[in-house]
């Protein structure tokens, strides 16, 4: 039996779902793609593997309450799990 951390299990689910669906989801508001700064001040754009997941976050996390639209982006993940995000500009994923 293989044990893994919660974050590893979530990452496995993300990649499996994104590969199956061939899209990832993010949020958009009137200003574009919101990317809250992390503890180190760097901004990172969050992604979810299913539309239902992003919609739940918008409903339950105050930082995303102004986001009225979920947005799908075609998955073009590399073998290393990287995500091609040319339409997202200079944000980190």
Foldseek 3Di string as FASTA:
>chain_A
DDDDDPVVVQVVVLVVLCVVVQKKKFFAAPVGQDFDADPVRATAGDIGSDPVVRVVCCVPPPVNVRTDDMDIDGAPADPVRDGDDVVRPDHHD
